[in-house]
Amino acid sequence: MMTRYFHINIILLTIVITGLGLGWGYATYDSVSPGPPGRDNMKTNSICLYEDSMSEECSEITLGQRMMAARSMVSESCEPLSISYKKIAFNRARVYSLEPLLVNAVITIESNWNPRARSRSGAIGLMQLMPATAREMGVRDPFNPTENIDGGVKYLRYLLDRFNGDLALALAAYNAGPGRIETYQGIPPFKETQQYVNRVLNLYNGYRIDSI
């Protein structure tokens, strides 16, 4: 009898623990962002943990942080990581006299807000800076979100000035390099670059419409 009661208690305890576990859920999503010629598309897999109370806030983490998130469940701030990056992007855009919505569009297409993104060609971080470009822009650690965004926004500002404010040409240069823009006297005939420019512009224009 005692053995049977012990087994029953174990079963009940398991059910209770499982029930508590089901009080939390997670949603995963895959997102792919295109890169310029020679870069691999970057793929990220994120988890968003949320309370059963349907709180509007959640904590979004990358796949590499899955175990840490499973232990801590939800951070105290419950602020998505991308929100803090967007604050940095907003501030740097103001410093370099660019529209924050434009910077947001570039980062979304380049890395989908993944600060650890890296292509086979060597482009690094949120704004997918090549090592040489990062050095030119004074970036010491391209994986540091603040430094990466500052370098990327500074580079975009430089390209806009170099191409007399032509946004399409500046974006094409960000993707394929300014030398190719000058060689072809316009957007180069690369499908990847043309698609990149169109995607950034479409997203940017969509952001502007939504903000009205």
Protein backbone atom coordinates (compact mmCIF):
# COMPACT_ATOMS: atom_id res chain seq x y z
CA MET A 1 0.00 0.00 0.00
CA MET A 2 2.73 2.44 0.98
CA THR A 3 4.53 1.78 -2.30
CA ARG A 4 1.37 2.48 -4.30
CA TYR A 5 0.71 5.74 -2.42
CA PHE A 6 4.31 6.77 -3.03
CA HIS A 7 3.88 6.18 -6.78
CA ILE A 8 0.62 8.14 -6.80
CA ASN A 9 2.27 11.06 -5.03
CA ILE A 10 5.12 11.06 -7.54
CA ILE A 11 2.61 11.12 -10.41
CA LEU A 12 0.67 14.00 -8.83
CA LEU A 13 3.88 15.94 -8.25
CA THR A 14 4.87 15.44 -11.89
CA ILE A 15 1.48 16.73 -13.06
CA VAL A 16 1.78 19.82 -10.87
CA ILE A 17 5.28 20.61 -12.13
CA THR A 18 4.19 20.08 -15.73
CA GLY A 19 1.21 22.34 -15.18
CA LEU A 20 3.44 25.08 -13.86
CA GLY A 21 5.65 24.67 -16.88
CA LEU A 22 2.69 25.06 -19.19
CA GLY A 23 1.98 28.42 -17.63
CA TRP A 24 4.75 29.75 -19.85
CA GLY A 25 5.03 29.52 -23.61
CA TYR A 26 7.35 30.51 -26.38
CA ALA A 27 6.99 31.41 -29.99
CA THR A 28 9.76 30.96 -32.50
CA TYR A 29 10.21 32.53 -35.86
CA ASP A 30 12.73 32.37 -38.64
CA SER A 31 13.69 35.43 -40.61
CA VAL A 32 16.03 35.78 -43.54
CA SER A 33 17.65 39.02 -44.64
CA PRO A 34 19.49 39.39 -47.90
CA GLY A 35 23.04 40.62 -48.06
CA PRO A 36 25.07 42.23 -50.82
CA PRO A 37 26.90 40.28 -53.54
CA GLY A 38 29.30 37.82 -51.99
CA ARG A 39 27.48 37.70 -48.67
CA ASP A 40 25.39 34.82 -47.44
CA ASN A 41 21.83 35.46 -46.38
CA MET A 42 21.74 35.72 -42.62
CA LYS A 43 19.21 33.57 -40.83
CA THR A 44 18.14 34.15 -37.25
CA ASN A 45 15.94 32.11 -34.98
CA SER A 46 14.47 33.93 -32.01
CA ILE A 47 12.38 32.92 -29.03
CA CYS A 48 9.87 35.19 -27.42
CA LEU A 49 8.91 34.10 -23.92
CA TYR A 50 5.65 35.41 -22.61
CA GLU A 51 3.53 35.14 -19.51
CA ASP A 52 0.25 33.28 -19.50
CA SER A 53 -1.37 36.57 -18.45
CA MET A 54 -0.86 37.78 -22.05
CA SER A 55 1.38 40.64 -20.99
CA GLU A 56 2.07 43.05 -23.83
CA GLU A 57 5.75 42.97 -23.00
CA CYS A 58 8.03 40.07 -23.70
CA SER A 59 11.68 39.18 -23.75
CA GLU A 60 13.07 38.30 -27.17
CA ILE A 61 16.35 36.41 -27.28
CA THR A 62 18.50 34.75 -29.88
CA LEU A 63 18.75 31.00 -30.26
CA GLY A 64 22.17 30.97 -28.61
CA GLN A 65 20.58 32.28 -25.40
CA ARG A 66 17.90 29.56 -25.25
CA MET A 67 19.35 27.77 -22.22
CA MET A 68 19.86 30.98 -20.28
CA ALA A 69 16.32 32.07 -21.04
CA ALA A 70 14.94 28.71 -19.98
CA ARG A 71 16.56 29.17 -16.59
CA SER A 72 15.64 32.77 -15.99
CA MET A 73 12.31 32.55 -17.91
CA VAL A 74 11.84 36.25 -18.48
CA SER A 75 14.18 39.11 -17.69
CA GLU A 76 12.98 41.69 -15.19
CA SER A 77 12.76 44.41 -17.79
CA CYS A 78 11.00 42.19 -20.36
CA GLU A 79 12.19 44.62 -23.02
CA PRO A 80 12.90 43.09 -26.45
CA LEU A 81 16.57 43.33 -27.33
CA SER A 82 15.74 44.94 -30.66
CA ILE A 83 14.08 47.84 -28.82
CA SER A 84 17.36 48.84 -27.17
CA TYR A 85 19.13 48.57 -30.54
CA LYS A 86 16.48 50.79 -32.11
CA LYS A 87 17.12 53.39 -29.44
CA ILE A 88 20.80 53.35 -30.38
CA ALA A 89 19.89 53.59 -34.08
CA PHE A 90 17.58 56.53 -33.39
CA ASN A 91 20.28 58.42 -31.51
CA ARG A 92 23.01 57.80 -34.08
CA ALA A 93 20.69 58.73 -36.93
CA ARG A 94 20.08 62.09 -35.26
CA VAL A 95 23.82 62.61 -34.77
CA TYR A 96 24.51 62.08 -38.49
CA SER A 97 21.36 63.87 -39.72
CA LEU A 98 19.65 60.78 -41.12
CA GLU A 99 16.07 59.66 -40.75
CA PRO A 100 15.86 56.97 -38.04
CA LEU A 101 13.33 55.09 -40.18
CA LEU A 102 15.92 54.80 -42.94
CA VAL A 103 18.50 53.40 -40.54
CA ASN A 104 15.90 50.95 -39.20
CA ALA A 105 15.15 49.76 -42.72
CA VAL A 106 18.84 49.20 -43.52
CA ILE A 107 19.44 47.24 -40.32
CA THR A 108 16.32 45.14 -40.86
CA ILE A 109 17.40 44.14 -44.36
CA GLU A 110 21.06 43.73 -43.46
CA SER A 111 20.83 41.59 -40.31
CA ASN A 112 17.23 41.58 -39.05
CA TRP A 113 18.60 43.17 -35.85
CA ASN A 114 20.95 40.29 -35.09
CA PRO A 115 24.14 41.79 -33.55
CA ARG A 116 26.04 38.50 -34.01
CA ALA A 117 25.24 38.19 -37.72
CA ARG A 118 28.26 37.35 -39.87
CA SER A 119 28.47 36.48 -43.54
CA ARG A 120 31.02 34.22 -45.20
CA SER A 121 32.50 37.25 -46.90
CA GLY A 122 33.18 38.76 -43.49
CA ALA A 123 30.41 41.35 -43.07
CA ILE A 124 29.73 41.75 -39.37
CA GLY A 125 27.01 42.78 -36.99
CA LEU A 126 23.79 44.73 -37.14
CA MET A 127 24.76 46.85 -40.14
CA GLN A 128 26.94 44.16 -41.74
CA LEU A 129 30.16 46.15 -41.85
CA MET A 130 33.13 44.75 -43.70
CA PRO A 131 36.29 44.81 -41.53
CA ALA A 132 37.99 47.44 -43.73
CA THR A 133 34.91 49.67 -43.63
CA ALA A 134 34.62 49.23 -39.88
CA ARG A 135 38.22 50.37 -39.43
CA GLU A 136 37.68 53.38 -41.69
CA MET A 137 34.67 54.38 -39.60
CA GLY A 138 36.61 54.02 -36.34
CA VAL A 139 34.82 50.85 -35.19
CA ARG A 140 37.02 48.79 -32.88
CA ASP A 141 34.54 46.01 -32.11
CA PRO A 142 32.07 45.40 -34.97
CA PHE A 143 30.07 43.01 -32.77
CA ASN A 144 29.39 45.79 -30.28
CA PRO A 145 25.89 47.06 -31.20
CA THR A 146 26.62 50.69 -30.37
CA GLU A 147 29.90 50.78 -32.29
CA ASN A 148 28.48 48.85 -35.23
CA ILE A 149 25.45 51.09 -35.60
CA ASP A 150 27.56 54.23 -35.22
CA GLY A 151 29.95 53.01 -37.91
CA GLY A 152 27.18 51.93 -40.25
CA VAL A 153 25.23 55.16 -39.92
CA LYS A 154 28.40 57.22 -40.33
CA TYR A 155 29.22 55.22 -43.50
CA LEU A 156 25.71 55.70 -44.90
CA ARG A 157 26.00 59.44 -44.24
CA TYR A 158 29.33 59.46 -46.07
CA LEU A 159 27.83 57.66 -49.07
CA LEU A 160 24.88 60.05 -49.25
CA ASP A 161 27.27 63.00 -49.28
CA ARG A 162 29.51 61.31 -51.86
CA PHE A 163 26.59 60.69 -54.22
CA ASN A 164 24.96 64.09 -53.73
CA GLY A 165 22.07 62.89 -51.60
CA ASP A 166 20.89 60.23 -54.07
CA LEU A 167 19.50 57.63 -51.68
CA ALA A 168 19.25 54.82 -54.24
CA LEU A 169 22.90 55.26 -55.23
CA ALA A 170 23.99 55.48 -51.61
CA LEU A 171 22.20 52.23 -50.79
CA ALA A 172 23.67 50.54 -53.86
CA ALA A 173 27.11 51.70 -52.74
CA TYR A 174 26.47 50.41 -49.21
CA ASN A 175 25.69 47.06 -50.77
CA ALA A 176 28.18 46.74 -53.61
CA GLY A 177 30.81 49.35 -52.79
CA PRO A 178 31.11 52.96 -54.02
CA GLY A 179 33.71 52.06 -56.61
CA ARG A 180 31.21 49.98 -58.55
CA ILE A 181 28.70 52.82 -58.57
CA GLU A 182 31.27 55.08 -60.17
CA THR A 183 32.39 52.39 -62.60
CA TYR A 184 28.86 51.81 -63.87
CA GLN A 185 27.78 55.46 -63.46
CA GLY A 186 24.75 54.32 -61.50
CA ILE A 187 23.33 51.26 -59.80
CA PRO A 188 25.40 48.30 -61.07
CA PRO A 189 23.66 45.57 -63.08
CA PHE A 190 23.78 43.08 -60.23
CA LYS A 191 20.50 41.42 -59.38
CA GLU A 192 21.42 41.19 -55.71
CA THR A 193 22.23 44.89 -55.46
CA GLN A 194 19.11 45.94 -57.36
CA GLN A 195 16.95 43.78 -55.13
CA TYR A 196 18.69 45.12 -52.04
CA VAL A 197 18.03 48.74 -52.99
CA ASN A 198 14.39 47.99 -53.77
CA ARG A 199 13.83 46.12 -50.53
CA VAL A 200 15.37 48.82 -48.35
CA LEU A 201 13.44 51.58 -50.14
CA ASN A 202 10.16 49.67 -49.97
CA LEU A 203 10.61 48.98 -46.28
CA TYR A 204 11.66 52.57 -45.59
CA ASN A 205 8.66 53.97 -47.47
CA GLY A 206 6.39 51.55 -45.63
CA TYR A 207 7.76 52.77 -42.30
CA ARG A 208 7.12 56.37 -43.35
CA ILE A 209 3.53 55.64 -44.33
CA ASP A 210 2.90 53.83 -41.05
CA SER A 211 4.30 56.76 -39.10
CA ILE A 212 1.85 59.25 -40.61
